[in-house]
Amino acid sequence: MKKLMAFILALMLAATLAPAAMAEPVQEITFALQNEPDGIDPCVTNNSFASPFLNNVFEGLVTYDTMDGSLIPGNAESWTISEDGTVYTFKLREGLKWSDGTPLTAHDYVYTFQRILTPETVAKYLNMVTDYVVNAQEYYDGTATADELGVKALDDTTLEITLNAATPYYIDILTMWTFSPVNRATIEANGDRWTTSADTYVCNGPFKIAEINMGESIVLAKNPEYYDADKVMLEKVTFRYIADPSTALMAYESGEIDGTRTVPGSDIARLKAEDAGLVVTSAYGTVYYDINCAKAPFDNVLVRKAINLAIDRTSLIEDVAQTDAVPAYSFIAPGYVVDGVDFTDELGTFELSEYADPEAAQAALAEAGYPNGEGFPVVTLSYYTNENVKSIVEAIAEMLQTNLNITVNITNEDWAIYYENVLAGNYEIGAMGWSGDYLHPMTFLPLLKTGDVNNLTGYSNPEYDAIVEQVMVETDAAKAVELIKQADEIASADYPLLNLYYKSNMLLMKDYVVGYYLNPSDTLYLKTAQVLAH
């Protein structure tokens, strides 16, 4: 009898334990971000801090394969390009829906382009439409009608885009979140506030927004209306704001969060040695500081040259940022390859080196009229609140003071306020940087083009502008590279930026989270991510 009872108890215990042992892992992750974006309207923002949200809750006509980064169909199942390279015809997938269950059609894409071209939208990437699409600038100016705009819905599932000239890299441009479709009904009903509430935030990607907790977090949930929802494994993603990277690291190591976007430089070597989930990938971006070329004394090219010569880039990389990076002398990052040769392999150094050159820096400053720094005004170095950026700013300030014998003042603000000041030109030298929006040097060139919305330096050179316009229409890749080199040589020799180093992408993620993809533009895709048993 005792043996029978023991056997029954053993069976009961096994029945109790078996479900727990065999239970599927909960498909939820919490990921820390160190900066809150200035907005999450895809038509408006150009802020990279918005990318974790926008690239996971929206999908455009084309997107990236999360396995190898190749360009693949998104909302468009296929497309054709006319013989002259100016007319793109996209065939949308049948049955596309918005996250609220309503149909998504080619007409929604037409509305999106028209909204970008509406002055009241204040689209930061306006030029990505006006520079390329037939009558886009005229539509924006109010001199062309919707019927004349080169974006048309031929029917519910066919979209036609007509360009001013053949543009070989145009299909890559369409991967940008700017061209994610937006829902007309919610925008007309809610105005600019459509992005401030989960109830009104209608999207079309693998995830939708479930909660918006201003200053704290944004929570994503799987979007059951997404056409490829069967492949989306995560049910919930919490993007939590933890401003201090060291605090985020503590939360990561204690198991409070599953990943974090920024890693303290002083911990990188240890995390690598411990195999603690540090992920480093190649990047298509540059860390630099904007120099306000419209403000004296920075309107003097010799002053800008002196500032660049005074910086020890190797020390910044190895001792301060403690990251995997390469010193930068140009603002265009490596990564674009033509005929097996990286575009940047043949770029000049513009008299710069990986180390500071105090003697040459002093000579340039003296030639500018400030021998030994005499009479030079106090320089203000500005940055957005971030501990890693703070360390770099402090090091740069010390280098400028030591090598140029000038006085440097440091100021910082939260990103939203800081960026508004940079946009308004209320800065002297300010922390910035750029991750390519698509894998072509053209993503960098507008940053220094006269009048471009992304030119925040006030730099202007008609010769540079003319060459950039030639690049836009050059269909021969090799010839385009030669033009890009010419443009780079002109701009880099004018030192409108304080180039520091080329980026590497880095994050921390627990090894039980797999299937995510960090692309060269520093965007984290979670469409195919999942949590394994652990």
Protein backbone atom coordinates (compact mmCIF):
# COMPACT_ATOMS: atom_id res chain seq x y z
CA MET A 1 0.00 0.00 0.00
CA LYS A 2 2.83 2.38 0.93
CA LYS A 3 4.55 1.63 -2.38
CA LEU A 4 1.30 2.31 -4.26
CA MET A 5 0.82 5.64 -2.47
CA ALA A 6 4.43 6.62 -3.18
CA PHE A 7 3.94 5.78 -6.84
CA ILE A 8 0.75 7.87 -7.04
CA LEU A 9 2.48 10.80 -5.31
CA ALA A 10 5.38 10.54 -7.76
CA LEU A 11 2.97 10.63 -10.69
CA MET A 12 1.19 13.67 -9.21
CA LEU A 13 4.50 15.45 -8.68
CA ALA A 14 5.60 14.70 -12.24
CA ALA A 15 2.28 15.99 -13.57
CA THR A 16 2.74 19.16 -11.55
CA LEU A 17 6.34 19.78 -12.68
CA ALA A 18 6.04 18.74 -16.33
CA PRO A 19 4.07 21.75 -17.62
CA ALA A 20 6.56 24.18 -16.03
CA ALA A 21 9.52 22.31 -17.44
CA MET A 22 8.00 22.17 -20.91
CA ALA A 23 6.44 25.65 -20.89
CA GLU A 24 7.25 27.87 -23.85
CA PRO A 25 9.26 31.00 -22.96
CA VAL A 26 7.26 34.20 -22.67
CA GLN A 27 7.79 36.16 -25.87
CA GLU A 28 8.45 39.53 -24.24
CA ILE A 29 11.58 41.64 -23.93
CA THR A 30 12.52 44.93 -22.26
CA PHE A 31 15.16 46.99 -24.00
CA ALA A 32 16.72 50.19 -22.65
CA LEU A 33 17.21 53.32 -24.73
CA GLN A 34 19.23 56.27 -23.53
CA ASN A 35 17.47 59.05 -25.44
CA GLU A 36 13.83 59.86 -26.06
CA PRO A 37 13.13 60.91 -29.68
CA ASP A 38 11.80 64.33 -30.58
CA GLY A 39 8.76 62.66 -32.14
CA ILE A 40 7.52 59.45 -33.74
CA ASP A 41 5.74 60.80 -36.81
CA PRO A 42 7.58 59.12 -39.72
CA CYS A 43 6.76 61.96 -42.11
CA VAL A 44 8.29 64.54 -39.79
CA THR A 45 11.30 63.34 -37.80
CA ASN A 46 14.86 62.70 -38.94
CA ASN A 47 15.97 61.84 -35.40
CA SER A 48 17.82 58.52 -35.21
CA PHE A 49 16.51 58.05 -31.65
CA ALA A 50 13.12 57.34 -33.25
CA SER A 51 14.39 54.42 -35.32
CA PRO A 52 13.72 51.61 -32.78
CA PHE A 53 10.05 52.56 -32.90
CA LEU A 54 9.46 53.62 -36.50
CA ASN A 55 11.25 50.71 -38.15
CA ASN A 56 9.34 48.16 -36.09
CA VAL A 57 5.83 49.62 -36.24
CA PHE A 58 5.91 50.71 -39.90
CA GLU A 59 6.90 49.10 -43.17
CA GLY A 60 7.32 50.82 -46.51
CA LEU A 61 7.29 49.60 -50.08
CA VAL A 62 10.69 47.94 -49.61
CA THR A 63 12.59 46.87 -46.53
CA TYR A 64 15.64 44.87 -45.39
CA ASP A 65 16.05 41.13 -44.96
CA THR A 66 16.76 40.65 -41.26
CA MET A 67 19.18 37.80 -42.01
CA ASP A 68 21.63 39.37 -44.45
CA GLY A 69 20.54 42.99 -44.81
CA SER A 70 19.66 42.70 -48.50
CA LEU A 71 16.87 44.84 -49.89
CA ILE A 72 13.62 42.88 -50.22
CA PRO A 73 9.94 43.58 -50.95
CA GLY A 74 7.91 45.11 -48.13
CA ASN A 75 4.37 46.32 -48.74
CA ALA A 76 5.17 46.04 -52.43
CA GLU A 77 5.42 42.43 -53.55
CA SER A 78 7.17 43.50 -56.78
CA TRP A 79 8.14 46.51 -58.87
CA THR A 80 9.32 47.45 -62.33
CA ILE A 81 11.49 50.31 -63.55
CA SER A 82 11.07 51.93 -66.94
CA GLU A 83 13.84 51.68 -69.53
CA ASP A 84 14.92 55.27 -68.94
CA GLY A 85 15.05 54.66 -65.19
CA THR A 86 12.54 57.36 -64.25
CA VAL A 87 9.24 55.52 -63.68
CA TYR A 88 8.86 53.04 -60.79
CA THR A 89 5.68 50.95 -60.73
CA PHE A 90 4.98 49.09 -57.49
CA LYS A 91 2.50 46.25 -57.12
CA LEU A 92 1.25 46.14 -53.52
CA ARG A 93 0.41 42.91 -51.72
CA GLU A 94 -3.24 41.98 -51.72
CA GLY A 95 -5.15 42.49 -48.48
CA LEU A 96 -2.80 44.90 -46.72
CA LYS A 97 -4.28 46.38 -43.56
CA TRP A 98 -3.61 49.06 -41.01
CA SER A 99 -3.22 48.09 -37.37
CA ASP A 100 -6.86 49.15 -36.82
CA GLY A 101 -8.00 46.58 -39.41
CA THR A 102 -8.92 49.01 -42.19
CA PRO A 103 -7.59 48.45 -45.73
CA LEU A 104 -4.22 49.92 -46.74
CA THR A 105 -4.01 50.82 -50.42
CA ALA A 106 -1.82 52.64 -52.93
CA HIS A 107 -3.90 55.76 -52.23
CA ASP A 108 -2.42 55.82 -48.72
CA TYR A 109 1.05 56.10 -50.21
CA VAL A 110 -0.07 58.98 -52.41
CA TYR A 111 -1.46 60.72 -49.32
CA THR A 112 1.83 60.16 -47.50
CA PHE A 113 3.89 61.80 -50.24
CA GLN A 114 1.45 64.71 -50.40
CA ARG A 115 1.63 65.13 -46.61
CA ILE A 116 5.44 65.24 -46.68
CA LEU A 117 5.10 67.96 -49.34
CA THR A 118 2.69 70.04 -47.24
CA PRO A 119 4.63 72.95 -45.66
CA GLU A 120 2.65 72.67 -42.39
CA THR A 121 4.02 69.15 -41.89
CA VAL A 122 7.57 70.53 -41.53
CA ALA A 123 9.05 67.27 -42.83
CA LYS A 124 12.74 67.05 -41.93
CA TYR A 125 13.41 64.84 -44.95
CA LEU A 126 11.46 67.03 -47.37
CA ASN A 127 14.37 67.14 -49.81
CA MET A 128 14.25 63.36 -50.18
CA VAL A 129 11.05 63.97 -52.16
CA THR A 130 11.59 67.42 -53.69
CA ASP A 131 15.03 66.52 -55.04
CA TYR A 132 13.79 63.50 -56.95
CA VAL A 133 10.06 63.33 -57.72
CA VAL A 134 8.48 65.10 -60.70
CA ASN A 135 6.77 68.35 -59.63
CA ALA A 136 7.38 67.65 -55.95
CA GLN A 137 9.07 71.02 -55.34
CA GLU A 138 6.31 72.72 -57.34
CA TYR A 139 3.62 70.96 -55.29
CA TYR A 140 5.34 72.11 -52.10
CA ASP A 141 5.52 75.67 -53.45
CA GLY A 142 1.84 75.57 -54.39
CA THR A 143 2.42 75.90 -58.14
CA ALA A 144 1.54 72.31 -59.10
CA THR A 145 -1.58 70.25 -58.39
CA ALA A 146 -1.91 66.74 -57.01
CA ASP A 147 -2.64 65.52 -60.54
CA GLU A 148 0.70 66.94 -61.70
CA LEU A 149 2.71 65.39 -58.86
CA GLY A 150 4.74 62.35 -59.96
CA VAL A 151 3.10 60.02 -57.42
CA LYS A 152 -0.12 58.30 -58.51
CA ALA A 153 -2.31 55.37 -57.52
CA LEU A 154 -3.21 53.59 -60.76
CA ASP A 155 -5.58 51.42 -58.72
CA ASP A 156 -5.82 50.19 -55.12
CA THR A 157 -2.72 47.99 -55.41
CA THR A 158 -0.62 49.84 -58.01
CA LEU A 159 1.55 52.85 -57.19
CA GLU A 160 3.53 54.81 -59.77
CA ILE A 161 6.39 57.17 -58.89
CA THR A 162 7.97 59.30 -61.62
CA LEU A 163 11.39 60.85 -61.08
CA ASN A 164 12.96 63.95 -62.60
CA ALA A 165 15.92 61.86 -63.74
CA ALA A 166 17.22 58.33 -63.47
CA THR A 167 18.53 57.77 -59.94
CA PRO A 168 20.23 54.39 -59.47
CA TYR A 169 20.00 54.46 -55.67
CA TYR A 170 16.35 55.61 -55.50
CA ILE A 171 15.03 52.20 -54.49
CA ASP A 172 17.36 52.33 -51.47
CA ILE A 173 15.98 55.73 -50.50
CA LEU A 174 12.53 54.16 -50.23
CA THR A 175 13.72 52.04 -47.28
CA MET A 176 13.77 55.20 -45.16
CA TRP A 177 11.01 55.50 -42.55
CA THR A 178 10.03 58.80 -44.21
CA PHE A 179 8.26 56.76 -46.86
CA SER A 180 6.31 54.61 -44.43
CA PRO A 181 2.62 55.08 -45.20
CA VAL A 182 0.58 57.07 -42.68
CA ASN A 183 -3.13 56.70 -41.99
CA ARG A 184 -5.14 59.65 -43.25
CA ALA A 185 -8.19 59.00 -41.07
CA THR A 186 -6.37 59.17 -37.73
CA ILE A 187 -4.32 62.21 -38.79
CA GLU A 188 -7.36 64.14 -39.94
CA ALA A 189 -9.25 63.18 -36.79
CA ASN A 190 -6.44 63.92 -34.33
CA GLY A 191 -4.07 66.34 -36.03
CA ASP A 192 -0.49 66.39 -34.72
CA ARG A 193 -1.62 64.57 -31.57
CA TRP A 194 -2.16 61.31 -33.44
CA THR A 195 1.30 60.18 -32.28
CA THR A 196 0.76 60.90 -28.57
CA SER A 197 -1.67 58.09 -27.75
CA ALA A 198 -1.63 54.37 -28.44
CA ASP A 199 -5.34 54.58 -29.28
CA THR A 200 -4.73 56.96 -32.18
CA TYR A 201 -1.33 55.69 -33.34
CA VAL A 202 -2.29 53.67 -36.41
CA CYS A 203 0.58 51.90 -38.18
CA ASN A 204 1.22 48.95 -40.51
CA GLY A 205 4.38 47.13 -39.38
CA PRO A 206 5.06 43.89 -37.50
CA PHE A 207 4.29 45.66 -34.21
CA LYS A 208 1.87 48.31 -33.06
CA ILE A 209 2.12 50.72 -30.14
CA ALA A 210 0.29 49.48 -27.04
CA GLU A 211 1.39 52.16 -24.56
CA ILE A 212 3.03 55.58 -24.66
CA ASN A 213 4.36 56.63 -21.27
CA MET A 214 6.00 60.00 -21.88
CA GLY A 215 9.50 60.18 -20.47
CA GLU A 216 9.36 56.56 -19.29
CA SER A 217 8.68 54.02 -22.03
CA ILE A 218 6.92 53.00 -25.21
CA VAL A 219 5.45 49.51 -25.30
CA LEU A 220 4.97 47.62 -28.57
CA ALA A 221 2.65 44.68 -29.12
CA LYS A 222 2.52 42.23 -32.01
CA ASN A 223 0.33 43.57 -34.81
CA PRO A 224 -2.09 40.80 -35.82
CA GLU A 225 -3.08 42.75 -38.96
CA TYR A 226 0.47 42.66 -40.37
CA TYR A 227 0.57 40.62 -43.58
CA ASP A 228 3.49 38.51 -42.29
CA ALA A 229 2.28 38.24 -38.68
CA ASP A 230 2.88 34.47 -38.58
CA LYS A 231 6.63 35.13 -38.62
CA VAL A 232 6.52 37.65 -35.76
CA MET A 233 7.35 35.80 -32.55
CA LEU A 234 7.58 38.54 -29.91
CA GLU A 235 4.25 39.43 -28.34
CA LYS A 236 5.52 42.47 -26.43
CA VAL A 237 8.52 44.81 -26.55
CA THR A 238 9.05 47.46 -23.89
CA PHE A 239 11.43 50.24 -24.88
CA ARG A 240 12.36 51.79 -21.56
CA TYR A 241 14.23 55.06 -21.20
CA ILE A 242 17.27 54.81 -18.93
CA ALA A 243 19.37 57.91 -19.63
CA ASP A 244 22.55 56.84 -17.83
CA PRO A 245 24.35 53.95 -19.64
CA SER A 246 25.88 52.78 -16.34
CA THR A 247 22.44 52.53 -14.75
CA ALA A 248 21.20 50.63 -17.80
CA LEU A 249 24.15 48.25 -17.54
CA MET A 250 23.33 47.54 -13.88
CA ALA A 251 19.73 46.77 -14.88
CA TYR A 252 21.01 44.47 -17.63
CA GLU A 253 23.39 42.57 -15.39
CA SER A 254 20.76 42.16 -12.68
CA GLY A 255 18.30 40.70 -15.20
CA GLU A 256 15.89 43.62 -14.95
CA ILE A 257 16.15 44.27 -18.70
CA ASP A 258 17.09 42.06 -21.65
CA GLY A 259 19.16 44.55 -23.63
CA THR A 260 20.43 48.10 -23.80
CA ARG A 261 21.44 50.39 -26.66
CA THR A 262 24.43 52.27 -25.22
CA VAL A 263 27.35 50.62 -23.46
CA PRO A 264 29.67 52.53 -21.10
CA GLY A 265 33.08 52.73 -22.76
CA SER A 266 34.90 51.73 -19.57
CA ASP A 267 33.00 48.42 -19.45
CA ILE A 268 33.44 47.30 -23.05
CA ALA A 269 36.64 45.28 -22.52
CA ARG A 270 35.18 43.50 -19.49
CA LEU A 271 31.91 42.69 -21.23
CA LYS A 272 33.82 41.24 -24.19
CA ALA A 273 35.98 39.10 -21.89
CA GLU A 274 32.94 37.85 -20.00
CA ASP A 275 31.01 37.09 -23.20
CA ALA A 276 28.17 39.04 -21.61
CA GLY A 277 26.13 39.66 -24.75
CA LEU A 278 28.04 42.56 -26.29
CA VAL A 279 27.18 42.79 -29.99
CA VAL A 280 29.41 44.83 -32.32
CA THR A 281 28.56 45.17 -36.01
CA SER A 282 29.85 47.22 -38.92
CA ALA A 283 28.26 50.64 -39.22
CA TYR A 284 27.66 53.17 -41.96
CA GLY A 285 28.04 56.32 -39.95
CA THR A 286 30.38 58.99 -38.64
CA VAL A 287 30.77 60.66 -35.27
CA TYR A 288 31.45 64.35 -35.78
CA TYR A 289 30.71 67.76 -34.29
CA ASP A 290 28.99 70.49 -36.28
CA ILE A 291 30.94 73.75 -36.52
CA ASN A 292 28.74 76.79 -37.00
CA CYS A 293 30.28 78.21 -40.17
CA ALA A 294 27.90 81.18 -40.10
CA LYS A 295 29.19 82.49 -36.78
CA ALA A 296 32.51 84.31 -36.22
CA PRO A 297 35.27 83.26 -35.72
CA PHE A 298 34.18 79.86 -37.09
CA ASP A 299 33.37 81.44 -40.45
CA ASN A 300 37.15 81.43 -40.99
CA VAL A 301 38.35 78.17 -42.58
CA LEU A 302 41.72 78.51 -40.83
CA VAL A 303 40.02 78.53 -37.43
CA ARG A 304 38.10 75.39 -38.34
CA LYS A 305 41.31 73.78 -39.60
CA ALA A 306 43.10 74.61 -36.35
CA ILE A 307 40.31 73.01 -34.33
CA ASN A 308 40.53 69.82 -36.39
CA LEU A 309 44.32 69.67 -36.11
CA ALA A 310 44.15 70.03 -32.32
CA ILE A 311 42.25 66.77 -31.78
CA ASP A 312 43.84 63.45 -30.86
CA ARG A 313 41.39 61.04 -32.46
CA THR A 314 43.21 57.91 -31.32
CA SER A 315 43.02 59.03 -27.70
CA LEU A 316 39.30 59.73 -28.06
CA ILE A 317 38.72 56.25 -29.48
CA GLU A 318 40.99 54.22 -27.21
CA ASP A 319 41.07 56.16 -23.94
CA VAL A 320 37.74 57.98 -23.82
CA ALA A 321 35.07 56.22 -25.90
CA GLN A 322 36.96 52.91 -25.61
CA THR A 323 35.19 51.64 -28.67
CA ASP A 324 35.99 49.80 -31.90
CA ALA A 325 36.39 52.67 -34.36
CA VAL A 326 38.62 54.22 -37.01
CA PRO A 327 39.73 57.89 -37.01
CA ALA A 328 37.71 60.01 -39.45
CA TYR A 329 39.06 62.83 -41.60
CA SER A 330 36.01 62.98 -43.86
CA PHE A 331 32.33 62.95 -42.96
CA ILE A 332 31.50 60.14 -45.43
CA ALA A 333 31.83 56.74 -43.79
CA PRO A 334 33.40 53.63 -45.35
CA GLY A 335 31.10 50.84 -46.48
CA TYR A 336 30.14 51.73 -50.05
CA VAL A 337 32.00 49.41 -52.44
CA VAL A 338 32.28 49.68 -56.23
CA ASP A 339 34.30 47.12 -58.25
CA GLY A 340 35.64 45.64 -55.02
CA VAL A 341 37.06 48.95 -53.76
CA ASP A 342 35.67 50.87 -50.82
CA PHE A 343 34.97 54.47 -51.75
CA THR A 344 36.94 55.80 -48.78
CA ASP A 345 40.12 53.82 -49.57
CA GLU A 346 41.35 56.62 -51.83
CA LEU A 347 40.21 59.64 -49.81
CA GLY A 348 42.74 62.15 -48.56
CA THR A 349 43.47 63.04 -44.93
CA PHE A 350 43.27 66.81 -45.44
CA GLU A 351 46.45 67.37 -43.38
CA LEU A 352 44.91 65.56 -40.41
CA SER A 353 46.18 62.46 -38.65
CA GLU A 354 45.03 60.08 -35.96
CA TYR A 355 46.95 62.15 -33.41
CA ALA A 356 46.83 65.85 -32.59
CA ASP A 357 49.31 68.17 -34.34
CA PRO A 358 49.63 71.13 -31.92
CA GLU A 359 52.33 72.87 -33.97
CA ALA A 360 50.26 72.83 -37.18
CA ALA A 361 47.13 73.75 -35.23
CA GLN A 362 48.86 76.77 -33.69
CA ALA A 363 50.19 77.80 -37.09
CA ALA A 364 46.69 77.72 -38.62
CA LEU A 365 45.28 79.71 -35.70
CA ALA A 366 48.08 82.28 -35.97
CA GLU A 367 47.43 82.63 -39.71
CA ALA A 368 43.78 83.25 -38.85
CA GLY A 369 44.90 86.18 -36.69
CA TYR A 370 45.10 84.58 -33.25
CA PRO A 371 48.78 83.84 -32.49
CA ASN A 372 49.05 81.55 -29.46
CA GLY A 373 45.29 81.92 -29.04
CA GLU A 374 45.54 85.63 -28.25
CA GLY A 375 42.27 87.48 -28.73
CA PHE A 376 40.33 84.29 -29.48
CA PRO A 377 36.86 84.36 -27.91
CA VAL A 378 35.64 81.75 -25.44
CA VAL A 379 34.49 78.69 -27.37
CA THR A 380 31.23 76.99 -26.39
CA LEU A 381 31.10 73.21 -26.86
CA SER A 382 27.49 71.95 -26.70
CA TYR A 383 26.18 68.43 -26.30
CA TYR A 384 23.00 66.53 -25.50
CA THR A 385 22.67 64.80 -22.14
CA ASN A 386 24.51 61.49 -22.39
CA GLU A 387 27.33 60.21 -20.19
CA ASN A 388 29.36 58.80 -23.07
CA VAL A 389 29.07 62.00 -25.09
CA LYS A 390 29.96 64.01 -21.97
CA SER A 391 33.28 62.17 -21.65
CA ILE A 392 34.16 62.93 -25.27
CA VAL A 393 33.18 66.61 -24.96
CA GLU A 394 35.33 67.03 -21.86
CA ALA A 395 38.30 65.44 -23.63
CA ILE A 396 37.85 67.65 -26.71
CA ALA A 397 37.66 70.74 -24.50
CA GLU A 398 40.93 69.82 -22.81
CA MET A 399 42.63 69.20 -26.18
CA LEU A 400 41.50 72.57 -27.55
CA GLN A 401 42.59 74.40 -24.44
CA THR A 402 45.98 72.66 -24.31
CA ASN A 403 46.84 72.65 -28.01
CA LEU A 404 45.39 76.04 -29.02
CA ASN A 405 45.72 77.96 -25.76
CA ILE A 406 42.05 79.01 -25.85
CA THR A 407 39.25 78.91 -23.29
CA VAL A 408 36.41 76.43 -23.75
CA ASN A 409 33.01 76.44 -22.07
CA ILE A 410 30.82 73.30 -22.04
CA THR A 411 27.02 73.34 -22.08
CA ASN A 412 24.46 70.55 -22.30
CA GLU A 413 20.71 70.15 -22.64
CA ASP A 414 18.23 67.32 -23.06
CA TRP A 415 18.08 66.19 -26.69
CA ALA A 416 14.82 67.90 -27.69
CA ILE A 417 15.96 71.34 -26.50
CA TYR A 418 19.51 70.81 -27.72
CA TYR A 419 18.39 69.84 -31.22
CA GLU A 420 16.04 72.82 -31.52
CA ASN A 421 18.97 75.10 -30.70
CA VAL A 422 21.17 73.40 -33.29
CA LEU A 423 18.41 73.73 -35.89
CA ALA A 424 18.13 77.43 -35.04
CA GLY A 425 21.89 77.93 -35.31
CA ASN A 426 22.19 78.68 -31.60
CA TYR A 427 25.49 76.88 -31.08
CA GLU A 428 29.19 77.17 -31.91
CA ILE A 429 30.53 73.61 -31.90
CA GLY A 430 27.92 70.93 -31.20
CA ALA A 431 27.89 67.15 -30.81
CA MET A 432 26.15 65.50 -33.73
CA GLY A 433 26.94 62.65 -36.13
CA TRP A 434 25.18 60.75 -38.86
CA SER A 435 24.20 57.18 -39.63
CA GLY A 436 23.48 56.61 -43.30
CA ASP A 437 19.81 56.30 -44.13
CA TYR A 438 20.71 53.99 -47.02
CA LEU A 439 23.95 52.40 -48.24
CA HIS A 440 25.19 55.06 -50.67
CA PRO A 441 27.42 58.12 -50.08
CA MET A 442 24.56 60.30 -51.28
CA THR A 443 23.03 59.85 -47.83
CA PHE A 444 25.90 62.02 -46.50
CA LEU A 445 26.35 64.61 -49.26
CA PRO A 446 23.21 66.71 -48.52
CA LEU A 447 24.54 67.38 -45.00
CA LEU A 448 26.75 70.11 -46.47
CA LYS A 449 24.66 71.21 -49.46
CA THR A 450 23.50 74.80 -49.44
CA GLY A 451 19.94 75.15 -48.19
CA ASP A 452 19.45 71.47 -47.42
CA VAL A 453 17.25 70.93 -44.37
CA ASN A 454 19.92 68.64 -42.89
CA ASN A 455 22.74 71.12 -43.37
CA LEU A 456 23.01 72.45 -39.81
CA THR A 457 26.44 74.04 -40.18
CA GLY A 458 25.65 77.02 -42.41
CA TYR A 459 28.38 75.80 -44.76
CA SER A 460 27.91 76.82 -48.39
CA ASN A 461 30.10 76.17 -51.43
CA PRO A 462 28.57 76.49 -54.94
CA GLU A 463 31.22 74.20 -56.45
CA TYR A 464 30.35 71.46 -53.94
CA ASP A 465 26.61 71.96 -54.58
CA ALA A 466 27.06 71.60 -58.34
CA ILE A 467 28.95 68.32 -58.02
CA VAL A 468 26.37 66.88 -55.60
CA GLU A 469 23.67 67.63 -58.18
CA GLN A 470 25.71 65.76 -60.79
CA VAL A 471 26.00 62.75 -58.46
CA MET A 472 22.24 62.60 -58.13
CA VAL A 473 21.76 61.88 -61.84
CA GLU A 474 24.94 59.92 -62.67
CA THR A 475 23.94 56.37 -63.62
CA ASP A 476 27.48 55.01 -63.99
CA ALA A 477 28.59 53.88 -60.50
CA ALA A 478 32.31 54.35 -61.20
CA LYS A 479 31.80 57.86 -62.56
CA ALA A 480 29.56 58.68 -59.60
CA VAL A 481 32.33 57.63 -57.21
CA GLU A 482 34.79 60.00 -58.89
CA LEU A 483 32.29 62.84 -58.51
CA ILE A 484 31.70 61.96 -54.86
CA LYS A 485 35.45 62.06 -54.23
CA GLN A 486 35.61 65.51 -55.78
CA ALA A 487 32.76 66.73 -53.60
CA ASP A 488 34.37 65.26 -50.50
CA GLU A 489 37.72 66.87 -51.28
CA ILE A 490 36.10 70.29 -51.62
CA ALA A 491 34.06 70.11 -48.43
CA SER A 492 36.55 68.30 -46.21
CA ALA A 493 39.29 70.81 -47.07
CA ASP A 494 36.98 73.55 -45.76
CA TYR A 495 36.62 71.76 -42.37
CA PRO A 496 32.91 72.55 -41.76
CA LEU A 497 32.80 69.61 -39.34
CA LEU A 498 35.01 68.31 -36.57
CA ASN A 499 35.23 64.71 -37.77
CA LEU A 500 36.21 62.27 -35.00
CA TYR A 501 35.75 58.62 -35.96
CA TYR A 502 33.72 56.22 -38.05
CA LYS A 503 31.06 54.41 -36.07
CA SER A 504 30.69 50.81 -35.12
CA ASN A 505 27.26 49.67 -33.99
CA MET A 506 27.09 48.26 -30.49
CA LEU A 507 24.48 46.96 -28.10
CA LEU A 508 24.01 44.50 -25.26
CA MET A 509 21.49 41.68 -25.62
CA LYS A 510 20.94 38.53 -23.58
CA ASP A 511 21.89 35.38 -25.46
CA TYR A 512 18.38 33.98 -25.11
CA VAL A 513 17.11 36.73 -27.43
CA VAL A 514 17.83 35.71 -31.03
CA GLY A 515 16.73 36.61 -34.55
CA TYR A 516 17.05 40.39 -34.26
CA TYR A 517 19.02 42.42 -36.79
CA LEU A 518 21.13 45.57 -36.36
CA ASN A 519 21.73 47.05 -39.79
CA PRO A 520 24.67 49.28 -40.85
CA SER A 521 22.46 52.33 -40.36
CA ASP A 522 22.23 51.44 -36.67
CA THR A 523 18.59 50.37 -36.81
CA LEU A 524 17.38 47.48 -34.65
CA TYR A 525 14.84 45.24 -36.39
CA LEU A 526 12.80 42.89 -34.18
CA LYS A 527 10.43 41.38 -36.75
CA THR A 528 12.03 37.93 -36.55
CA ALA A 529 13.35 38.14 -32.97
CA GLN A 530 12.30 35.63 -30.34
CA VAL A 531 13.04 34.53 -26.79
CA LEU A 532 14.52 31.05 -26.30
CA ALA A 533 14.06 28.95 -23.19
CA HIS A 534 16.54 29.95 -20.50
